[in-house]
C-alpha atoms as a PDB file:
ATOM      1  CA  MET A   1     -25.525 -70.691-135.384  1.00  0.00           C
ATOM      2  CA  GLU A   2     -27.554 -70.788-132.180  1.00  0.00           C
ATOM      3  CA  TRP A   3     -31.330 -70.639-132.711  1.00  0.00           C
ATOM      4  CA  LYS A   4     -32.273 -68.994-129.464  1.00  0.00           C
ATOM      5  CA  THR A   5     -35.765 -67.508-129.117  1.00  0.00           C
ATOM      6  CA  ARG A   6     -38.317 -67.164-126.344  1.00  0.00           C
ATOM      7  CA  VAL A   7     -39.705 -70.554-127.429  1.00  0.00           C
ATOM      8  CA  THR A   8     -36.393 -72.375-127.025  1.00  0.00           C
ATOM      9  CA  GLU A   9     -35.994 -70.723-123.623  1.00  0.00           C
ATOM     10  CA  LEU A  10     -39.496 -71.710-122.518  1.00  0.00           C
ATOM     11  CA  PHE A  11     -39.222 -75.358-123.544  1.00  0.00           C
ATOM     12  CA  ASP A  12     -35.430 -75.801-123.433  1.00  0.00           C
ATOM     13  CA  CYS A  13     -35.369 -77.168-126.970  1.00  0.00           C
ATOM     14  CA  LYS A  14     -32.522 -76.734-129.451  1.00  0.00           C
ATOM     15  CA  TYR A  15     -34.616 -75.263-132.254  1.00  0.00           C
ATOM     16  CA  PRO A  16     -37.804 -73.158-132.157  1.00  0.00           C
ATOM     17  CA  ILE A  17     -39.760 -75.911-133.893  1.00  0.00           C
ATOM     18  CA  LEU A  18     -42.749 -77.680-132.330  1.00  0.00           C
ATOM     19  CA  GLU A  19     -44.261 -80.997-133.348  1.00  0.00           C
ATOM     20  CA  GLY A  20     -48.010 -80.851-133.913  1.00  0.00           C
ATOM     21  CA  ALA A  21     -50.512 -83.057-132.091  1.00  0.00           C
ATOM     22  CA  TYR A  22     -52.056 -86.077-133.814  1.00  0.00           C
ATOM     23  CA  ALA A  23     -55.252 -87.660-132.576  1.00  0.00           C
ATOM     24  CA  GLY A  24     -54.892 -91.412-132.882  1.00  0.00           C
ATOM     25  CA  PHE A  25     -51.169 -91.661-133.602  1.00  0.00           C
ATOM     26  CA  GLY A  26     -49.336 -88.950-131.657  1.00  0.00           C
ATOM     27  CA  ASN A  27     -47.466 -91.491-129.568  1.00  0.00           C
ATOM     28  CA  TRP A  28     -44.407 -91.155-127.347  1.00  0.00           C
ATOM     29  CA  GLN A  29     -42.098 -92.819-129.874  1.00  0.00           C
ATOM     30  CA  PHE A  30     -42.824 -90.139-132.471  1.00  0.00           C
ATOM     31  CA  ALA A  31     -42.496 -87.401-129.853  1.00  0.00           C
ATOM     32  CA  ALA A  32     -39.133 -88.807-128.782  1.00  0.00           C
ATOM     33  CA  ALA A  33     -37.855 -88.832-132.376  1.00  0.00           C
ATOM     34  CA  CYS A  34     -38.798 -85.154-132.802  1.00  0.00           C
ATOM     35  CA  ALA A  35     -37.311 -84.195-129.448  1.00  0.00           C
ATOM     36  CA  GLU A  36     -34.082 -86.056-130.100  1.00  0.00           C
ATOM     37  CA  ALA A  37     -33.718 -84.165-133.391  1.00  0.00           C
ATOM     38  CA  GLY A  38     -33.875 -80.824-131.592  1.00  0.00           C
ATOM     39  CA  ALA A  39     -37.548 -79.913-131.843  1.00  0.00           C
ATOM     40  CA  HIS A  40     -40.104 -79.805-129.032  1.00  0.00           C
ATOM     41  CA  GLY A  41     -41.893 -83.149-129.287  1.00  0.00           C
ATOM     42  CA  CYS A  42     -45.535 -83.753-128.458  1.00  0.00           C
ATOM     43  CA  ILE A  43     -47.349 -86.728-126.959  1.00  0.00           C
ATOM     44  CA  THR A  44     -51.064 -86.502-127.767  1.00  0.00           C
ATOM     45  CA  ALA A  45     -52.843 -87.513-124.562  1.00  0.00           C
ATOM     46  CA  SER A  46     -55.866 -88.891-126.428  1.00  0.00           C
ATOM     47  CA  THR A  47     -53.514 -91.396-128.073  1.00  0.00           C
ATOM     48  CA  SER A  48     -52.442 -92.637-124.643  1.00  0.00           C
ATOM     49  CA  ARG A  49     -56.175 -92.988-123.802  1.00  0.00           C
ATOM     50  CA  THR A  50     -55.835 -93.272-120.007  1.00  0.00           C
ATOM     51  CA  PRO A  51     -53.945 -91.266-117.361  1.00  0.00           C
ATOM     52  CA  GLU A  52     -52.145 -94.425-116.292  1.00  0.00           C
ATOM     53  CA  GLN A  53     -50.894 -95.058-119.830  1.00  0.00           C
ATOM     54  CA  LEU A  54     -49.969 -91.402-120.286  1.00  0.00           C
ATOM     55  CA  LYS A  55     -47.735 -91.603-117.230  1.00  0.00           C
ATOM     56  CA  GLU A  56     -46.004 -94.651-118.694  1.00  0.00           C
ATOM     57  CA  ASP A  57     -45.668 -92.941-122.065  1.00  0.00           C
ATOM     58  CA  ILE A  58     -44.107 -89.822-120.538  1.00  0.00           C
ATOM     59  CA  ARG A  59     -41.578 -91.921-118.647  1.00  0.00           C
ATOM     60  CA  SER A  60     -40.796 -94.002-121.745  1.00  0.00           C
ATOM     61  CA  CYS A  61     -40.247 -90.830-123.743  1.00  0.00           C
ATOM     62  CA  ARG A  62     -37.893 -89.489-121.069  1.00  0.00           C
ATOM     63  CA  LYS A  63     -35.827 -92.659-121.276  1.00  0.00           C
ATOM     64  CA  ALA A  64     -35.673 -92.442-125.066  1.00  0.00           C
ATOM     65  CA  THR A  65     -34.532 -88.824-125.346  1.00  0.00           C
ATOM     66  CA  SER A  66     -32.871 -86.031-123.435  1.00  0.00           C
ATOM     67  CA  GLY A  67     -34.721 -83.574-125.645  1.00  0.00           C
ATOM     68  CA  SER A  68     -37.767 -81.435-124.946  1.00  0.00           C
ATOM     69  CA  PHE A  69     -41.359 -82.639-125.208  1.00  0.00           C
ATOM     70  CA  GLY A  70     -44.812 -81.890-123.869  1.00  0.00           C
ATOM     71  CA  VAL A  71     -48.360 -83.252-123.858  1.00  0.00           C
ATOM     72  CA  ASN A  72     -51.335 -82.114-125.919  1.00  0.00           C
ATOM     73  CA  LEU A  73     -54.697 -81.894-124.120  1.00  0.00           C
ATOM     74  CA  SER A  74     -57.437 -81.304-126.691  1.00  0.00           C
ATOM     75  CA  PHE A  75     -60.870 -80.446-125.340  1.00  0.00           C
ATOM     76  CA  GLY A  76     -63.595 -82.784-126.547  1.00  0.00           C
ATOM     77  CA  ILE A  77     -61.104 -85.376-127.779  1.00  0.00           C
ATOM     78  CA  CYS A  78     -58.882 -86.144-124.802  1.00  0.00           C
ATOM     79  CA  PRO A  79     -60.659 -88.510-122.353  1.00  0.00           C
ATOM     80  CA  ARG A  80     -60.515 -87.676-118.633  1.00  0.00           C
ATOM     81  CA  ILE A  81     -58.736 -84.450-119.472  1.00  0.00           C
ATOM     82  CA  GLU A  82     -58.533 -83.249-115.856  1.00  0.00           C
ATOM     83  CA  ASP A  83     -56.855 -86.494-114.797  1.00  0.00           C
ATOM     84  CA  MET A  84     -54.491 -86.286-117.760  1.00  0.00           C
ATOM     85  CA  LEU A  85     -53.509 -82.815-116.610  1.00  0.00           C
ATOM     86  CA  GLU A  86     -52.774 -84.109-113.125  1.00  0.00           C
ATOM     87  CA  VAL A  87     -50.350 -86.611-114.634  1.00  0.00           C
ATOM     88  CA  CYS A  88     -48.565 -83.807-116.493  1.00  0.00           C
ATOM     89  CA  ILE A  89     -48.313 -81.752-113.315  1.00  0.00           C
ATOM     90  CA  GLU A  90     -47.019 -84.741-111.361  1.00  0.00           C
ATOM     91  CA  GLU A  91     -44.443 -85.477-114.072  1.00  0.00           C
ATOM     92  CA  LYS A  92     -43.610 -81.768-114.518  1.00  0.00           C
ATOM     93  CA  ILE A  93     -44.308 -81.871-118.242  1.00  0.00           C
ATOM     94  CA  PRO A  94     -45.341 -78.830-120.346  1.00  0.00           C
ATOM     95  CA  VAL A  95     -48.900 -78.928-121.682  1.00  0.00           C
ATOM     96  CA  GLU A  96     -50.533 -77.684-124.832  1.00  0.00           C
ATOM     97  CA  THR A  97     -54.277 -77.043-124.668  1.00  0.00           C
ATOM     98  CA  ALA A  98     -56.263 -76.877-127.880  1.00  0.00           C
ATOM     99  CA  ILE A  99     -59.587 -76.793-129.754  1.00  0.00           C
ATOM    100  CA  TYR A 100     -61.675 -74.928-127.170  1.00  0.00           C
ATOM    101  CA  LYS A 101     -61.358 -72.171-124.592  1.00  0.00           C
ATOM    102  CA  PRO A 102     -58.956 -73.330-121.834  1.00  0.00           C
ATOM    103  CA  ASP A 103     -60.799 -71.596-118.985  1.00  0.00           C
ATOM    104  CA  ALA A 104     -61.695 -74.866-117.242  1.00  0.00           C
ATOM    105  CA  LEU A 105     -58.071 -76.023-116.931  1.00  0.00           C
ATOM    106  CA  ALA A 106     -56.256 -72.695-116.645  1.00  0.00           C
ATOM    107  CA  PRO A 107     -56.389 -72.293-112.825  1.00  0.00           C
ATOM    108  CA  ARG A 108     -55.048 -75.791-112.196  1.00  0.00           C
ATOM    109  CA  ILE A 109     -52.326 -75.427-114.834  1.00  0.00           C
ATOM    110  CA  LYS A 110     -51.106 -72.215-113.264  1.00  0.00           C
ATOM    111  CA  GLU A 111     -51.300 -73.724-109.796  1.00  0.00           C
ATOM    112  CA  GLY A 112     -49.318 -76.726-111.021  1.00  0.00           C
ATOM    113  CA  GLY A 113     -46.497 -74.489-112.209  1.00  0.00           C
ATOM    114  CA  ILE A 114     -45.834 -76.202-115.542  1.00  0.00           C
ATOM    115  CA  PRO A 115     -45.157 -74.436-118.863  1.00  0.00           C
ATOM    116  CA  TRP A 116     -48.404 -73.920-120.770  1.00  0.00           C
ATOM    117  CA  ILE A 117     -49.014 -73.117-124.423  1.00  0.00           C
ATOM    118  CA  HIS A 118     -52.473 -72.748-125.952  1.00  0.00           C
ATOM    119  CA  LYS A 119     -53.312 -73.411-129.615  1.00  0.00           C
ATOM    120  CA  SER A 120     -56.132 -71.587-131.371  1.00  0.00           C
ATOM    121  CA  ALA A 121     -57.414 -70.634-134.810  1.00  0.00           C
ATOM    122  CA  ARG A 122     -58.059 -66.974-134.033  1.00  0.00           C
ATOM    123  CA  VAL A 123     -55.849 -64.248-132.640  1.00  0.00           C
ATOM    124  CA  LYS A 124     -58.605 -63.167-130.249  1.00  0.00           C
ATOM    125  CA  ASP A 125     -58.588 -66.653-128.696  1.00  0.00           C
ATOM    126  CA  ALA A 126     -54.822 -66.444-128.249  1.00  0.00           C
ATOM    127  CA  GLN A 127     -55.296 -63.114-126.486  1.00  0.00           C
ATOM    128  CA  HIS A 128     -57.866 -64.711-124.193  1.00  0.00           C
ATOM    129  CA  ALA A 129     -55.435 -67.519-123.329  1.00  0.00           C
ATOM    130  CA  GLU A 130     -52.752 -64.943-122.573  1.00  0.00           C
ATOM    131  CA  GLU A 131     -55.155 -63.209-120.178  1.00  0.00           C
ATOM    132  CA  LEU A 132     -55.697 -66.546-118.420  1.00  0.00           C
ATOM    133  CA  GLY A 133     -51.952 -66.923-117.929  1.00  0.00           C
ATOM    134  CA  ALA A 134     -50.727 -68.979-120.896  1.00  0.00           C
ATOM    135  CA  ASP A 135     -46.946 -68.826-121.211  1.00  0.00           C
ATOM    136  CA  ALA A 136     -47.104 -68.926-125.008  1.00  0.00           C
ATOM    137  CA  VAL A 137     -49.661 -69.222-127.802  1.00  0.00           C
ATOM    138  CA  ILE A 138     -49.936 -70.973-131.153  1.00  0.00           C
ATOM    139  CA  VAL A 139     -52.225 -69.545-133.813  1.00  0.00           C
ATOM    140  CA  VAL A 140     -52.957 -71.774-136.800  1.00  0.00           C
ATOM    141  CA  GLY A 141     -53.490 -69.994-140.100  1.00  0.00           C
ATOM    142  CA  LEU A 142     -56.100 -70.994-142.652  1.00  0.00           C
ATOM    143  CA  GLU A 143     -53.569 -73.088-144.599  1.00  0.00           C
ATOM    144  CA  GLY A 144     -53.461 -75.601-141.759  1.00  0.00           C
ATOM    145  CA  VAL A 145     -55.920 -78.399-141.021  1.00  0.00           C
ATOM    146  CA  GLY A 146     -58.092 -79.381-138.082  1.00  0.00           C
ATOM    147  CA  PHE A 147     -60.864 -77.345-136.505  1.00  0.00           C
ATOM    148  CA  LYS A 148     -61.644 -74.274-138.582  1.00  0.00           C
ATOM    149  CA  SER A 149     -63.264 -70.963-137.756  1.00  0.00           C
ATOM    150  CA  PRO A 150     -65.135 -68.696-140.176  1.00  0.00           C
ATOM    151  CA  GLU A 151     -62.975 -65.914-138.715  1.00  0.00           C
ATOM    152  CA  GLN A 152     -59.670 -67.696-139.356  1.00  0.00           C
ATOM    153  CA  LEU A 153     -57.073 -65.745-141.362  1.00  0.00           C
ATOM    154  CA  PRO A 154     -54.227 -66.940-143.607  1.00  0.00           C
ATOM    155  CA  THR A 155     -50.952 -67.783-141.884  1.00  0.00           C
ATOM    156  CA  PHE A 156     -49.100 -64.745-143.254  1.00  0.00           C
ATOM    157  CA  ILE A 157     -51.388 -62.103-141.757  1.00  0.00           C
ATOM    158  CA  THR A 158     -52.119 -64.231-138.687  1.00  0.00           C
ATOM    159  CA  THR A 159     -48.420 -64.213-137.871  1.00  0.00           C
ATOM    160  CA  SER A 160     -47.435 -60.664-138.829  1.00  0.00           C
ATOM    161  CA  TRP A 161     -50.512 -59.115-137.191  1.00  0.00           C
ATOM    162  CA  GLY A 162     -51.149 -61.610-134.410  1.00  0.00           C
ATOM    163  CA  SER A 163     -47.604 -61.597-133.056  1.00  0.00           C
ATOM    164  CA  ARG A 164     -48.054 -57.889-132.296  1.00  0.00           C
ATOM    165  CA  GLN A 165     -51.260 -58.484-130.354  1.00  0.00           C
ATOM    166  CA  VAL A 166     -49.783 -60.622-127.579  1.00  0.00           C
ATOM    167  CA  LYS A 167     -46.812 -60.187-125.283  1.00  0.00           C
ATOM    168  CA  VAL A 168     -46.114 -63.889-124.682  1.00  0.00           C
ATOM    169  CA  PRO A 169     -44.135 -66.002-127.178  1.00  0.00           C
ATOM    170  CA  PHE A 170     -46.036 -66.494-130.443  1.00  0.00           C
ATOM    171  CA  VAL A 171     -45.813 -69.713-132.478  1.00  0.00           C
ATOM    172  CA  ALA A 172     -46.867 -69.682-136.134  1.00  0.00           C
ATOM    173  CA  ALA A 173     -48.577 -72.677-137.739  1.00  0.00           C
ATOM    174  CA  GLY A 174     -50.544 -73.538-140.843  1.00  0.00           C
ATOM    175  CA  GLY A 175     -48.942 -74.747-144.083  1.00  0.00           C
ATOM    176  CA  ILE A 176     -45.338 -74.392-142.882  1.00  0.00           C
ATOM    177  CA  GLY A 177     -43.003 -77.201-143.886  1.00  0.00           C
ATOM    178  CA  ASP A 178     -39.560 -76.008-144.928  1.00  0.00           C
ATOM    179  CA  ALA A 179     -36.736 -73.554-144.252  1.00  0.00           C
ATOM    180  CA  ARG A 180     -38.440 -70.754-146.175  1.00  0.00           C
ATOM    181  CA  GLY A 181     -41.586 -71.034-144.085  1.00  0.00           C
ATOM    182  CA  PHE A 182     -39.506 -71.305-140.922  1.00  0.00           C
ATOM    183  CA  LEU A 183     -37.469 -68.170-141.618  1.00  0.00           C
ATOM    184  CA  GLY A 184     -40.489 -66.329-142.976  1.00  0.00           C
ATOM    185  CA  ALA A 185     -42.462 -66.932-139.792  1.00  0.00           C
ATOM    186  CA  LEU A 186     -39.579 -65.714-137.626  1.00  0.00           C
ATOM    187  CA  ALA A 187     -39.164 -62.638-139.821  1.00  0.00           C
ATOM    188  CA  MET A 188     -42.869 -61.861-139.413  1.00  0.00           C
ATOM    189  CA  GLY A 189     -42.557 -61.823-135.643  1.00  0.00           C
ATOM    190  CA  ALA A 190     -43.034 -65.418-134.528  1.00  0.00           C
ATOM    191  CA  ASP A 191     -40.840 -66.909-131.815  1.00  0.00           C
ATOM    192  CA  GLY A 192     -41.127 -70.352-133.386  1.00  0.00           C
ATOM    193  CA  ILE A 193     -43.185 -72.574-135.663  1.00  0.00           C
ATOM    194  CA  MET A 194     -45.352 -75.648-135.286  1.00  0.00           C
ATOM    195  CA  MET A 195     -45.548 -78.231-138.062  1.00  0.00           C
ATOM    196  CA  GLY A 196     -48.090 -81.014-138.404  1.00  0.00           C
ATOM    197  CA  THR A 197     -48.387 -82.246-141.983  1.00  0.00           C
ATOM    198  CA  ALA A 198     -44.664 -81.914-142.715  1.00  0.00           C
ATOM    199  CA  PHE A 199     -43.754 -84.176-139.777  1.00  0.00           C
ATOM    200  CA  MET A 200     -46.301 -86.726-141.008  1.00  0.00           C
ATOM    201  CA  ALA A 201     -44.178 -87.295-144.106  1.00  0.00           C
ATOM    202  CA  THR A 202     -41.239 -88.655-142.092  1.00  0.00           C
ATOM    203  CA  LYS A 203     -40.188 -92.266-141.666  1.00  0.00           C
ATOM    204  CA  GLU A 204     -40.916 -92.331-137.936  1.00  0.00           C
ATOM    205  CA  CYS A 205     -44.499 -91.137-138.260  1.00  0.00           C
ATOM    206  CA  PRO A 206     -46.744 -94.123-137.388  1.00  0.00           C
ATOM    207  CA  THR A 207     -48.987 -93.798-140.447  1.00  0.00           C
ATOM    208  CA  ASN A 208     -48.997 -95.878-143.618  1.00  0.00           C
ATOM    209  CA  GLU A 209     -46.549 -95.388-146.469  1.00  0.00           C
ATOM    210  CA  ALA A 210     -49.326 -94.765-148.983  1.00  0.00           C
ATOM    211  CA  SER A 211     -50.407 -91.706-147.013  1.00  0.00           C
ATOM    212  CA  LYS A 212     -46.862 -90.367-146.912  1.00  0.00           C
ATOM    213  CA  GLN A 213     -46.343 -90.970-150.614  1.00  0.00           C
ATOM    214  CA  GLY A 214     -49.660 -89.297-151.324  1.00  0.00           C
ATOM    215  CA  MET A 215     -48.392 -86.121-149.676  1.00  0.00           C
ATOM    216  CA  VAL A 216     -45.184 -86.263-151.718  1.00  0.00           C
ATOM    217  CA  GLU A 217     -47.172 -86.521-154.945  1.00  0.00           C
ATOM    218  CA  THR A 218     -49.819 -83.886-154.150  1.00  0.00           C
ATOM    219  CA  SER A 219     -49.274 -80.212-154.951  1.00  0.00           C
ATOM    220  CA  PRO A 220     -50.847 -77.374-152.953  1.00  0.00           C
ATOM    221  CA  ASP A 221     -52.779 -76.135-155.997  1.00  0.00           C
ATOM    222  CA  ASN A 222     -54.677 -79.427-156.273  1.00  0.00           C
ATOM    223  CA  PRO A 223     -58.320 -78.259-156.492  1.00  0.00           C
ATOM    224  CA  ARG A 224     -59.759 -80.791-154.059  1.00  0.00           C
ATOM    225  CA  LEU A 225     -57.020 -80.207-151.494  1.00  0.00           C
ATOM    226  CA  ARG A 226     -57.349 -76.457-151.904  1.00  0.00           C
ATOM    227  CA  TRP A 227     -61.117 -76.643-151.412  1.00  0.00           C
ATOM    228  CA  ARG A 228     -60.899 -78.802-148.303  1.00  0.00           C
ATOM    229  CA  VAL A 229     -58.221 -76.746-146.593  1.00  0.00           C
ATOM    230  CA  LEU A 230     -59.276 -73.198-147.469  1.00  0.00           C
ATOM    231  CA  SER A 231     -63.072 -73.433-147.401  1.00  0.00           C
ATOM    232  CA  HIS A 232     -65.085 -72.311-144.394  1.00  0.00           C
ATOM    233  CA  ALA A 233     -68.293 -73.775-143.061  1.00  0.00           C
ATOM    234  CA  SER A 234     -71.388 -71.934-144.239  1.00  0.00           C
ATOM    235  CA  PRO A 235     -72.341 -69.138-141.798  1.00  0.00           C
ATOM    236  CA  LYS A 236     -75.826 -70.669-141.488  1.00  0.00           C
ATOM    237  CA  ASP A 237     -74.528 -74.108-140.473  1.00  0.00           C
ATOM    238  CA  TYR A 238     -71.928 -72.597-138.176  1.00  0.00           C
ATOM    239  CA  ALA A 239     -74.542 -70.487-136.401  1.00  0.00           C
ATOM    240  CA  GLU A 240     -76.818 -73.522-136.003  1.00  0.00           C
ATOM    241  CA  VAL A 241     -74.060 -75.568-134.382  1.00  0.00           C
ATOM    242  CA  LEU A 242     -73.188 -72.689-132.069  1.00  0.00           C
ATOM    243  CA  ARG A 243     -76.805 -72.578-130.924  1.00  0.00           C
ATOM    244  CA  LYS A 244     -76.523 -76.208-129.855  1.00  0.00           C
ATOM    245  CA  ARG A 245     -73.529 -75.498-127.602  1.00  0.00           C
ATOM    246  CA  GLY A 246     -75.545 -75.377-124.387  1.00  0.00           C
ATOM    247  CA  ASP A 247     -77.625 -78.451-125.224  1.00  0.00           C
ATOM    248  CA  LEU A 248     -74.870 -80.997-125.858  1.00  0.00           C
ATOM    249  CA  PRO A 249     -71.851 -82.318-123.934  1.00  0.00           C
ATOM    250  CA  LEU A 250     -68.565 -80.898-125.189  1.00  0.00           C
ATOM    251  CA  SER A 251     -67.574 -84.385-126.370  1.00  0.00           C
ATOM    252  CA  GLU A 252     -70.561 -84.394-128.767  1.00  0.00           C
ATOM    253  CA  TRP A 253     -70.627 -80.733-129.687  1.00  0.00           C
ATOM    254  CA  LEU A 254     -66.987 -80.356-130.803  1.00  0.00           C
ATOM    255  CA  PRO A 255     -67.112 -83.283-133.283  1.00  0.00           C
ATOM    256  CA  MET A 256     -70.307 -81.756-134.678  1.00  0.00           C
ATOM    257  CA  LEU A 257     -68.494 -78.444-135.078  1.00  0.00           C
ATOM    258  CA  GLU A 258     -65.726 -80.201-136.993  1.00  0.00           C
ATOM    259  CA  ARG A 259     -68.151 -82.109-139.238  1.00  0.00           C
ATOM    260  CA  ILE A 260     -69.710 -78.952-140.638  1.00  0.00           C
ATOM    261  CA  GLN A 261     -66.415 -78.001-142.189  1.00  0.00           C
ATOM    262  CA  PRO A 262     -66.329 -78.699-145.958  1.00  0.00           C
ATOM    263  CA  LYS A 263     -64.849 -82.103-146.722  1.00  0.00           C
ATOM    264  CA  ASP A 264     -63.675 -83.741-149.957  1.00  0.00           C
ATOM    265  CA  SER A 265     -66.873 -85.740-150.234  1.00  0.00           C
ATOM    266  CA  ASP A 266     -68.940 -82.537-150.146  1.00  0.00           C
ATOM    267  CA  TRP A 267     -67.561 -81.224-153.390  1.00  0.00           C
ATOM    268  CA  GLU A 268     -68.216 -82.760-156.802  1.00  0.00           C
ATOM    269  CA  GLY A 269     -64.816 -82.141-158.247  1.00  0.00           C
ATOM    270  CA  PRO A 270     -62.459 -84.492-160.084  1.00  0.00           C
ATOM    271  CA  PRO A 271     -61.063 -87.174-157.739  1.00  0.00           C
ATOM    272  CA  ASP A 272     -57.471 -86.180-158.465  1.00  0.00           C
ATOM    273  CA  ILE A 273     -56.183 -85.934-154.916  1.00  0.00           C
ATOM    274  CA  PRO A 274     -54.755 -89.214-153.555  1.00  0.00           C
ATOM    275  CA  GLU A 275     -57.058 -90.614-150.880  1.00  0.00           C
ATOM    276  CA  PRO A 276     -54.300 -91.039-148.257  1.00  0.00           C
ATOM    277  CA  SER A 277     -53.321 -87.358-148.382  1.00  0.00           C
ATOM    278  CA  ARG A 278     -56.712 -86.004-147.374  1.00  0.00           C
ATOM    279  CA  VAL A 279     -55.358 -85.370-143.899  1.00  0.00           C
ATOM    280  CA  GLY A 280     -52.667 -83.020-145.185  1.00  0.00           C
ATOM    281  CA  SER A 281     -52.502 -79.226-145.219  1.00  0.00           C
ATOM    282  CA  LEU A 282     -51.091 -76.926-147.878  1.00  0.00           C
ATOM    283  CA  ALA A 283     -47.688 -77.793-146.410  1.00  0.00           C
ATOM    284  CA  VAL A 284     -47.640 -80.571-149.033  1.00  0.00           C
ATOM    285  CA  GLY A 285     -46.053 -77.893-151.212  1.00  0.00           C
ATOM    286  CA  ALA A 286     -42.887 -78.315-149.154  1.00  0.00           C
ATOM    287  CA  ILE A 287     -42.903 -82.133-149.143  1.00  0.00           C
ATOM    288  CA  ASP A 288     -40.849 -83.887-151.830  1.00  0.00           C
ATOM    289  CA  SER A 289     -39.446 -86.901-149.957  1.00  0.00           C
ATOM    290  CA  ILE A 290     -39.906 -89.087-146.882  1.00  0.00           C
ATOM    291  CA  PRO A 291     -36.840 -88.457-144.682  1.00  0.00           C
ATOM    292  CA  THR A 292     -36.132 -89.407-141.107  1.00  0.00           C
ATOM    293  CA  VAL A 293     -37.179 -86.806-138.564  1.00  0.00           C
ATOM    294  CA  LYS A 294     -33.532 -85.970-137.908  1.00  0.00           C
ATOM    295  CA  ASP A 295     -32.755 -85.500-141.589  1.00  0.00           C
ATOM    296  CA  PHE A 296     -35.893 -83.397-141.999  1.00  0.00           C
ATOM    297  CA  ILE A 297     -35.073 -81.004-139.152  1.00  0.00           C
ATOM    298  CA  ASP A 298     -31.362 -80.919-139.980  1.00  0.00           C
ATOM    299  CA  GLY A 299     -32.313 -80.006-143.552  1.00  0.00           C
ATOM    300  CA  ILE A 300     -34.525 -77.134-142.439  1.00  0.00           C
ATOM    301  CA  ILE A 301     -31.837 -75.723-140.164  1.00  0.00           C
ATOM    302  CA  ARG A 302     -29.062 -76.163-142.728  1.00  0.00           C
ATOM    303  CA  GLU A 303     -31.055 -74.446-145.485  1.00  0.00           C
ATOM    304  CA  ALA A 304     -32.174 -71.677-143.130  1.00  0.00           C
ATOM    305  CA  GLU A 305     -28.592 -70.968-142.095  1.00  0.00           C
ATOM    306  CA  GLU A 306     -27.502 -70.910-145.736  1.00  0.00           C
ATOM    307  CA  MET A 307     -30.206 -68.371-146.536  1.00  0.00           C
ATOM    308  CA  VAL A 308     -29.306 -66.243-143.532  1.00  0.00           C
ATOM    309  CA  GLU A 309     -25.679 -66.250-144.682  1.00  0.00           C
ATOM    310  CA  LYS A 310     -26.746 -64.982-148.101  1.00  0.00           C
ATOM    311  CA  TRP A 311     -28.552 -62.133-146.341  1.00  0.00           C
ATOM    312  CA  ALA A 312     -25.401 -61.075-144.490  1.00  0.00           C
ATOM    313  CA  TRP A 313     -25.344 -57.813-146.468  1.00  0.00           C
ATOM    314  CA  VAL A 314     -28.405 -56.704-144.487  1.00  0.00           C
ATOM    315  CA  LYS A 315     -26.316 -56.480-141.327  1.00  0.00           C
ATOM    316  CA  GLY A 316     -24.042 -53.866-142.863  1.00  0.00           C
ATOM    317  CA  ARG A 317     -26.739 -51.427-143.827  1.00  0.00           C
END
């Protein structure tokens, strides 16, 4: 069947599946593997480090795949973010902004005429990005990892409620890693999904095998994993960091905001979660092997189509 949604139309990808961004290892080779398999790949600009290298990486990715890919520009992490954006505009590559309000880049993105998607942790931030002209939004539910917000909601309600709050294409993220999560997100109103942890457990991901195996062996009900992923920062600490916003450069303030989130070392629980899998989300519940990216995506699509076929009786009602 043809998986045509507003996301596939926006990015010209085969499936409404987006690769997440990875600070430190989101390179063009991994993006090309995801794109070639039918997803929308993602080069993380901070991994390229310089605008000159990003330009080379974009061109290398183009040579390696005819599929769809874009570039992640994360505020506070991506160096020379304005220059990185200029490279994307010059190369006519879609961009994904993330972590902080995109107001500073929005005018230039719109002027540059490239597809733009913004990733946030709250529906209200997605609405703000839509007002600025974002072509699509991603909202990460509490089950995901990365920067957290005390106002963040679980993926289920984020998707079913949030997709009704914006008019632009809505991408669901946070703990999704298989065909059930994929179909569930679409049924709840999403135009596509983004996966981070699940893609990390593929052969092409440039991380170590111990980390991948750790995700295979860890279950989502592991107490230390559950604590790290689902816990919020204390309101007192969060308020204190917010008060420092005007006193520190964004490059210092955002890492501070991330550090106040509860971490494994902050909780005196049994050390029963494998060290390498600390970067994972609750999507580990969908990870039981380490396939190639192509096999992983093909498996999701095959299983989703099988489930849709079983639901054929719905069409006749």
